[in-house]
Amino acid sequence: MNKKHEKYKMKITIKLLALLFVFTNLYSQNASTYFPSATGYKWYYKNTPLDSLNNPVNSLSTFQVDSFAANVTYNGLPAALVVSKSGLTSINQNSPYTDSSYYNFQSTNGFYYLNVLNFIGTIPGIDSVAFINFLRSFESWYSFYRFSQTVNTNYTIFSKDTTVSFDTLTLPLRLSLTGRRLNDQTISTVNGNIACKKFQITFALSYGLLPPIIYIPIVSIPDTVYIAQNIWVARDVTPSVNVDLSSIGVNLAFSIPGSQKELTQSAVGISGENTRLPEGFSLSQNYPNPFNPSTVISYELQVTSFAKLIVYDMLGNEVASLVNEKQDAGYYSIEFDGSGFPSGVYYYKLETEGFSDVKKMILVK
């Protein structure tokens, strides 16, 4: 009986472990499974502003193209580099990439490298040097998307207090960013219905009342992001927000317009690779520029050709050979890491069979 009982207990244990394994894989997937697995993936978005009542203003819509450019190391972590070009009048507009984002994935958490100044811009009336420096102090990696978070519970991404002088006032302020995983939702897109993880990321600027210090929000901006497996962001909605600073003694009221980003209705939709071949040879301006410590250089080859991409210092000395091989026609992006080089002006030159171009970039440390 004891042996039979032990075998029975073992069978039950194995079944429970199997169920636990299935449950874990179903409900706590690794964050990396929500991001495309290979570089070259492109997203095509339509960006529509929202009016004060949060109605879309379709006549002012623009387009945005994001590209998974490279796997890099950025500020201490392996990162997926995504370059972007926005404000386009059409998806096919020939424009250089002008922005970049970095993502890192650890277990069930998706990290984003945050530059708060780029994230929220400046706030009218509170743009003192001290406050700008305070915003710069937040630049770091943060766990934005927590896929195993209990639904409808908040988590703190960051929270930091400071005081800022404005005219004759000294303002105790708190800057915070919180996340909340909402119920999963299936949304309709140009690629049909897609099941998404849904997050609300809320930025808040709060004023501290003394004594005791009780922080009252004066600006709160919720951003709802829909993330689909193997696709990443399928939709992103930020409502319009009215701000009145009279409660902190500043005679200023203004509106922050909302926006809605969604996969475009253009026929190209989501694309794992850009299957259209370039119409010519070209070398793009690196981004970012100036840079520290790394930047991305993009170029296009109209036909298969031997390509050389060389970096030179101001004296014309070769300091790095980034490409020196035969490549197929297509679109290419490569990272230049300047950590081992001094600050200064550098030049990069693309040479192919029948094409040559040089551009300048600036490394600032």
Protein backbone atom coordinates (compact mmCIF):
# COMPACT_ATOMS: atom_id res chain seq x y z
CA MET A 1 0.00 0.00 0.00
CA ASN A 2 2.81 2.37 0.86
CA LYS A 3 4.49 1.84 -2.52
CA LYS A 4 1.20 2.32 -4.35
CA HIS A 5 0.54 5.42 -2.30
CA GLU A 6 3.98 6.82 -3.11
CA LYS A 7 3.49 6.15 -6.84
CA TYR A 8 0.12 7.88 -6.69
CA LYS A 9 1.62 10.90 -4.96
CA MET A 10 4.39 11.03 -7.56
CA LYS A 11 1.87 10.97 -10.43
CA ILE A 12 -0.09 13.81 -8.83
CA THR A 13 3.11 15.81 -8.29
CA ILE A 14 4.17 15.34 -11.93
CA LYS A 15 0.72 16.44 -13.15
CA LEU A 16 0.80 19.52 -10.93
CA LEU A 17 4.26 20.42 -12.18
CA ALA A 18 3.10 19.97 -15.76
CA LEU A 19 0.09 22.20 -15.13
CA LEU A 20 2.31 24.78 -13.48
CA PHE A 21 4.63 24.73 -16.49
CA VAL A 22 1.72 25.24 -18.90
CA PHE A 23 0.21 27.97 -16.73
CA THR A 24 3.53 29.81 -16.51
CA ASN A 25 4.06 29.68 -20.26
CA LEU A 26 0.52 30.77 -21.03
CA TYR A 27 0.23 33.66 -18.61
CA SER A 28 3.77 34.82 -17.90
CA GLN A 29 5.41 34.72 -21.31
CA ASN A 30 8.87 36.18 -21.63
CA ALA A 31 8.69 39.84 -22.59
CA SER A 32 10.99 39.18 -25.57
CA THR A 33 8.27 37.10 -27.28
CA TYR A 34 6.28 40.30 -27.82
CA PHE A 35 9.07 41.90 -29.83
CA PRO A 36 10.07 40.83 -33.38
CA SER A 37 12.89 38.31 -33.32
CA ALA A 38 14.96 39.61 -36.25
CA THR A 39 16.33 42.97 -37.32
CA GLY A 40 14.87 44.52 -40.45
CA TYR A 41 11.30 44.43 -39.12
CA LYS A 42 9.36 47.60 -39.96
CA TRP A 43 6.24 49.12 -38.44
CA TYR A 44 4.01 51.54 -40.38
CA TYR A 45 1.84 53.80 -38.24
CA LYS A 46 -0.76 56.50 -38.70
CA ASN A 47 -0.59 59.27 -36.08
CA THR A 48 -3.77 61.27 -35.50
CA PRO A 49 -4.06 64.22 -33.09
CA LEU A 50 -7.01 64.30 -30.69
CA ASP A 51 -8.95 67.51 -29.98
CA SER A 52 -9.89 68.76 -26.50
CA LEU A 53 -12.83 66.31 -26.48
CA ASN A 54 -10.51 63.49 -27.60
CA ASN A 55 -12.08 63.22 -31.03
CA PRO A 56 -9.59 62.33 -33.81
CA VAL A 57 -8.68 65.17 -36.18
CA ASN A 58 -8.16 63.04 -39.28
CA SER A 59 -7.33 66.01 -41.51
CA LEU A 60 -4.12 66.48 -39.50
CA SER A 61 -3.00 62.83 -39.52
CA THR A 62 0.61 62.05 -40.37
CA PHE A 63 2.54 58.82 -40.80
CA GLN A 64 5.46 57.18 -39.03
CA VAL A 65 7.87 54.42 -39.98
CA ASP A 66 9.83 52.53 -37.32
CA SER A 67 12.59 50.06 -38.10
CA PHE A 68 14.28 47.44 -35.92
CA ALA A 69 17.75 48.57 -36.96
CA ALA A 70 20.18 46.54 -34.86
CA ASN A 71 20.95 44.62 -31.69
CA VAL A 72 23.38 46.76 -29.70
CA THR A 73 24.73 47.32 -26.21
CA TYR A 74 23.38 50.58 -24.81
CA ASN A 75 24.26 52.02 -21.40
CA GLY A 76 25.20 48.67 -19.96
CA LEU A 77 22.43 46.45 -21.34
CA PRO A 78 21.87 44.49 -24.56
CA ALA A 79 19.25 46.43 -26.49
CA ALA A 80 17.05 46.36 -29.56
CA LEU A 81 17.58 49.64 -31.39
CA VAL A 82 14.51 51.03 -33.17
CA VAL A 83 14.96 54.06 -35.43
CA SER A 84 11.98 56.20 -36.42
CA LYS A 85 10.88 58.84 -38.87
CA SER A 86 7.61 60.65 -38.19
CA GLY A 87 5.56 63.59 -39.42
CA LEU A 88 5.42 62.02 -42.89
CA THR A 89 2.75 63.02 -45.39
CA SER A 90 2.73 59.45 -46.72
CA ILE A 91 4.23 56.09 -45.78
CA ASN A 92 6.40 56.16 -48.92
CA GLN A 93 7.92 59.59 -48.24
CA ASN A 94 11.69 59.39 -48.68
CA SER A 95 12.99 60.85 -45.41
CA PRO A 96 15.87 60.00 -43.07
CA TYR A 97 15.31 58.39 -39.69
CA THR A 98 15.46 61.13 -37.05
CA ASP A 99 14.79 59.41 -33.72
CA SER A 100 15.83 56.29 -31.86
CA SER A 101 14.52 54.10 -29.02
CA TYR A 102 16.17 51.30 -27.05
CA TYR A 103 14.43 48.25 -25.55
CA ASN A 104 15.77 45.53 -23.29
CA PHE A 105 13.97 42.35 -22.22
CA GLN A 106 14.55 40.50 -18.96
CA SER A 107 12.28 37.61 -18.04
CA THR A 108 8.70 38.94 -18.09
CA ASN A 109 9.71 42.61 -18.03
CA GLY A 110 10.18 44.95 -20.98
CA PHE A 111 12.65 47.77 -20.27
CA TYR A 112 12.81 51.11 -22.08
CA TYR A 113 15.68 53.61 -21.96
CA LEU A 114 13.94 56.81 -20.95
CA ASN A 115 14.95 60.36 -21.73
CA VAL A 116 12.31 62.31 -19.78
CA LEU A 117 12.89 65.54 -21.72
CA ASN A 118 12.05 63.76 -24.97
CA PHE A 119 9.21 61.86 -23.31
CA ILE A 120 7.25 64.86 -21.99
CA GLY A 121 8.94 67.88 -23.56
CA THR A 122 9.06 71.13 -21.59
CA ILE A 123 6.16 72.36 -19.50
CA PRO A 124 5.22 76.02 -20.07
CA GLY A 125 5.90 78.15 -17.00
CA ILE A 126 8.14 75.54 -15.33
CA ASP A 127 11.15 75.49 -17.62
CA SER A 128 13.84 76.78 -15.27
CA VAL A 129 17.39 75.49 -15.60
CA ALA A 130 17.03 73.68 -12.27
CA PHE A 131 13.91 71.86 -13.44
CA ILE A 132 15.46 70.93 -16.78
CA ASN A 133 18.49 69.49 -14.94
CA PHE A 134 16.11 67.63 -12.65
CA LEU A 135 14.44 66.03 -15.69
CA ARG A 136 17.82 65.06 -17.11
CA SER A 137 18.64 63.19 -13.88
CA PHE A 138 15.98 60.59 -14.74
CA GLU A 139 17.71 59.34 -17.88
CA SER A 140 18.11 55.60 -17.35
CA TRP A 141 16.65 52.15 -18.03
CA TYR A 142 13.16 51.52 -16.58
CA SER A 143 10.89 48.49 -16.46
CA PHE A 144 7.88 49.89 -18.36
CA TYR A 145 5.98 46.75 -19.33
CA ARG A 146 5.56 44.01 -16.72
CA PHE A 147 3.79 41.15 -18.44
CA SER A 148 3.31 39.04 -15.31
CA GLN A 149 1.90 41.95 -13.27
CA THR A 150 -1.46 41.24 -11.62
CA VAL A 151 -4.20 42.81 -13.74
CA ASN A 152 -5.53 46.20 -12.52
CA THR A 153 -2.76 46.79 -10.00
CA ASN A 154 -0.39 49.74 -10.19
CA TYR A 155 3.40 49.58 -10.12
CA THR A 156 5.88 52.42 -9.72
CA ILE A 157 8.32 52.96 -12.55
CA PHE A 158 9.93 55.93 -10.79
CA SER A 159 9.08 58.69 -8.32
CA LYS A 160 11.33 61.57 -7.31
CA ASP A 161 10.91 64.81 -5.36
CA THR A 162 12.56 68.19 -5.87
CA THR A 163 12.02 71.90 -5.31
CA VAL A 164 12.01 74.43 -8.13
CA SER A 165 12.09 78.24 -7.84
CA PHE A 166 9.69 80.11 -10.08
CA ASP A 167 9.71 83.92 -9.78
CA THR A 168 9.25 84.45 -6.00
CA LEU A 169 7.86 80.95 -5.41
CA THR A 170 9.66 77.85 -4.23
CA LEU A 171 7.70 74.85 -5.43
CA PRO A 172 8.02 71.35 -3.92
CA LEU A 173 7.38 69.03 -6.87
CA ARG A 174 7.15 65.29 -7.42
CA LEU A 175 7.67 63.68 -10.81
CA SER A 176 6.39 60.14 -11.13
CA LEU A 177 5.68 57.48 -13.70
CA THR A 178 3.42 54.57 -12.87
CA GLY A 179 2.30 51.54 -14.82
CA ARG A 180 -0.86 49.48 -14.68
CA ARG A 181 -1.53 46.28 -16.57
CA LEU A 182 -5.14 46.29 -17.78
CA ASN A 183 -7.28 43.40 -18.96
CA ASP A 184 -6.06 41.85 -22.21
CA GLN A 185 -7.96 43.09 -25.23
CA THR A 186 -8.39 41.98 -28.82
CA ILE A 187 -8.28 44.95 -31.18
CA SER A 188 -9.13 45.34 -34.84
CA THR A 189 -6.16 46.27 -37.06
CA VAL A 190 -5.24 46.28 -40.74
CA ASN A 191 -4.00 42.74 -40.15
CA GLY A 192 -7.26 41.54 -38.65
CA ASN A 193 -8.08 41.01 -34.99
CA ILE A 194 -5.01 40.84 -32.73
CA ALA A 195 -4.93 39.81 -29.06
CA CYS A 196 -2.97 42.40 -27.06
CA LYS A 197 -1.53 42.92 -23.63
CA LYS A 198 -2.77 46.31 -22.49
CA PHE A 199 -0.84 48.76 -20.29
CA GLN A 200 -1.52 52.25 -19.00
CA ILE A 201 1.63 54.29 -18.36
CA THR A 202 0.84 57.51 -16.46
CA PHE A 203 3.13 60.49 -16.11
CA ALA A 204 2.29 62.82 -13.20
CA LEU A 205 3.69 66.12 -11.99
CA SER A 206 2.46 66.83 -8.46
CA TYR A 207 2.71 69.81 -6.09
CA GLY A 208 3.55 69.34 -2.41
CA LEU A 209 1.47 71.17 0.19
CA LEU A 210 3.35 72.13 3.39
CA PRO A 211 3.09 71.11 6.23
CA PRO A 212 2.74 68.14 6.13
CA ILE A 213 3.70 67.34 2.55
CA ILE A 214 0.72 66.04 0.61
CA TYR A 215 1.27 65.82 -3.13
CA ILE A 216 -1.58 67.02 -5.35
CA PRO A 217 -1.35 66.11 -9.09
CA ILE A 218 -1.31 69.17 -11.35
CA VAL A 219 -0.47 67.33 -14.56
CA SER A 220 -1.46 63.70 -15.17
CA ILE A 221 -1.07 62.14 -18.61
CA PRO A 222 -2.20 58.51 -19.07
CA ASP A 223 -0.85 56.67 -22.10
CA THR A 224 -2.57 53.40 -23.07
CA VAL A 225 -0.39 50.96 -25.03
CA TYR A 226 -1.54 47.78 -26.77
CA ILE A 227 1.24 45.21 -27.28
CA ALA A 228 0.82 42.15 -29.49
CA GLN A 229 3.01 39.05 -29.53
CA ASN A 230 5.77 39.16 -32.18
CA ILE A 231 4.54 42.61 -33.26
CA TRP A 232 5.13 44.90 -30.27
CA VAL A 233 3.04 48.14 -30.26
CA ALA A 234 -0.15 47.78 -32.28
CA ARG A 235 -1.87 50.87 -30.86
CA ASP A 236 -0.94 53.75 -28.52
CA VAL A 237 -3.48 56.32 -27.28
CA THR A 238 -2.77 59.42 -25.16
CA PRO A 239 -5.80 61.61 -24.36
CA SER A 240 -5.80 65.41 -24.44
CA VAL A 241 -5.20 66.96 -21.04
CA ASN A 242 -6.11 70.43 -19.74
CA VAL A 243 -3.65 71.87 -17.24
CA ASP A 244 -4.29 74.75 -14.82
CA LEU A 245 -1.32 75.86 -12.70
CA SER A 246 -3.26 78.45 -10.66
CA SER A 247 -3.39 75.97 -7.76
CA ILE A 248 0.37 76.42 -7.25
CA GLY A 249 0.29 80.19 -7.66
CA VAL A 250 1.22 80.28 -11.33
CA ASN A 251 -1.24 82.17 -13.52
CA LEU A 252 -1.09 79.79 -16.45
CA ALA A 253 -3.48 77.37 -18.10
CA PHE A 254 -2.86 75.36 -21.25
CA SER A 255 -3.80 72.16 -23.05
CA ILE A 256 -1.61 69.23 -23.97
CA PRO A 257 -3.03 67.72 -27.18
CA GLY A 258 -3.71 64.01 -27.34
CA SER A 259 -2.70 61.54 -30.00
CA GLN A 260 -3.63 58.16 -31.38
CA LYS A 261 -1.05 55.91 -33.04
CA GLU A 262 -2.20 52.80 -34.86
CA LEU A 263 -1.02 50.49 -37.60
CA THR A 264 -1.76 52.25 -40.87
CA GLN A 265 -4.57 51.31 -43.23
CA SER A 266 -2.09 51.45 -46.08
CA ALA A 267 -1.79 48.16 -47.96
CA VAL A 268 1.75 47.60 -46.65
CA GLY A 269 0.46 47.01 -43.10
CA ILE A 270 2.97 45.20 -40.90
CA SER A 271 6.07 43.99 -42.69
CA GLY A 272 8.79 41.69 -41.42
CA GLU A 273 11.11 42.95 -44.12
CA ASN A 274 10.91 45.80 -46.58
CA THR A 275 10.55 43.86 -49.82
CA ARG A 276 10.77 46.95 -52.03
CA LEU A 277 14.29 47.47 -53.35
CA PRO A 278 15.87 50.93 -53.15
CA GLU A 279 15.53 53.15 -56.22
CA GLY A 280 19.17 54.20 -55.98
CA PHE A 281 22.31 54.27 -53.86
CA SER A 282 22.25 56.57 -50.83
CA LEU A 283 23.98 57.28 -47.52
CA SER A 284 21.87 58.73 -44.69
CA GLN A 285 22.90 61.10 -41.95
CA ASN A 286 23.77 59.14 -38.82
CA TYR A 287 21.36 59.25 -35.89
CA PRO A 288 21.67 60.50 -33.25
CA ASN A 289 24.06 63.28 -34.17
CA PRO A 290 25.83 64.55 -32.09
CA PHE A 291 26.13 61.20 -30.30
CA ASN A 292 27.60 59.57 -27.19
CA PRO A 293 28.77 56.88 -27.29
CA SER A 294 27.05 55.15 -30.24
CA THR A 295 25.18 56.12 -33.39
CA VAL A 296 23.54 54.32 -36.31
CA ILE A 297 24.48 54.79 -39.96
CA SER A 298 21.99 53.71 -42.64
CA TYR A 299 22.52 53.28 -46.37
CA GLU A 300 20.83 51.81 -49.43
CA LEU A 301 22.19 49.69 -52.26
CA GLN A 302 20.22 49.67 -55.50
CA VAL A 303 21.95 46.55 -56.83
CA THR A 304 24.31 43.91 -55.46
CA SER A 305 27.68 45.57 -55.02
CA PHE A 306 30.94 45.49 -53.08
CA ALA A 307 30.48 48.05 -50.28
CA LYS A 308 32.96 49.80 -48.02
CA LEU A 309 31.88 51.97 -45.08
CA ILE A 310 34.87 53.63 -43.41
CA VAL A 311 35.09 56.15 -40.54
CA TYR A 312 37.83 58.82 -40.62
CA ASP A 313 39.02 61.43 -38.13
CA MET A 314 39.43 65.14 -38.97
CA LEU A 315 42.92 64.53 -40.37
CA GLY A 316 41.67 61.90 -42.79
CA ASN A 317 43.06 58.94 -40.88
CA GLU A 318 40.99 55.76 -41.02
CA VAL A 319 39.78 54.91 -37.51
CA ALA A 320 37.17 52.19 -38.16
CA SER A 321 36.11 49.89 -40.98
CA LEU A 322 32.41 49.14 -40.51
CA VAL A 323 31.69 47.34 -43.80
CA ASN A 324 34.05 45.78 -46.34
CA GLU A 325 32.20 43.09 -48.30
CA LYS A 326 29.88 42.29 -51.17
CA GLN A 327 26.24 42.94 -50.22
CA ASP A 328 22.88 42.30 -51.86
CA ALA A 329 20.62 45.15 -52.93
CA GLY A 330 18.64 46.44 -49.98
CA TYR A 331 18.50 48.62 -46.88
CA TYR A 332 21.26 48.47 -44.26
CA SER A 333 21.89 49.96 -40.82
CA ILE A 334 25.04 49.57 -38.74
CA GLU A 335 26.08 50.88 -35.34
CA PHE A 336 29.28 52.84 -34.81
CA ASP A 337 30.49 52.66 -31.18
CA GLY A 338 32.62 55.66 -30.32
CA SER A 339 33.39 54.69 -26.71
CA GLY A 340 37.08 54.19 -27.49
CA PHE A 341 37.48 57.45 -29.41
CA PRO A 342 37.96 61.06 -28.21
CA SER A 343 35.31 63.74 -28.70
CA GLY A 344 35.45 65.50 -32.04
CA VAL A 345 34.34 65.60 -35.65
CA TYR A 346 34.46 62.39 -37.69
CA TYR A 347 33.59 61.54 -41.27
CA TYR A 348 32.10 58.34 -42.66
CA LYS A 349 32.34 57.36 -46.32
CA LEU A 350 30.34 54.82 -48.30
CA GLU A 351 31.96 53.47 -51.47
CA THR A 352 30.33 51.02 -53.87
CA GLU A 353 30.78 50.18 -57.50
CA GLY A 354 29.87 53.50 -59.12
CA PHE A 355 28.78 55.41 -55.97
CA SER A 356 30.55 57.35 -53.24
CA ASP A 357 29.33 59.73 -50.52
CA VAL A 358 30.75 61.27 -47.32
CA LYS A 359 28.95 62.68 -44.28
CA LYS A 360 30.07 64.33 -41.05
CA MET A 361 29.22 63.23 -37.50
CA ILE A 362 30.11 64.64 -34.09
CA LEU A 363 31.08 62.61 -31.00
CA VAL A 364 30.50 64.54 -27.76
CA LYS A 365 31.54 63.06 -24.40
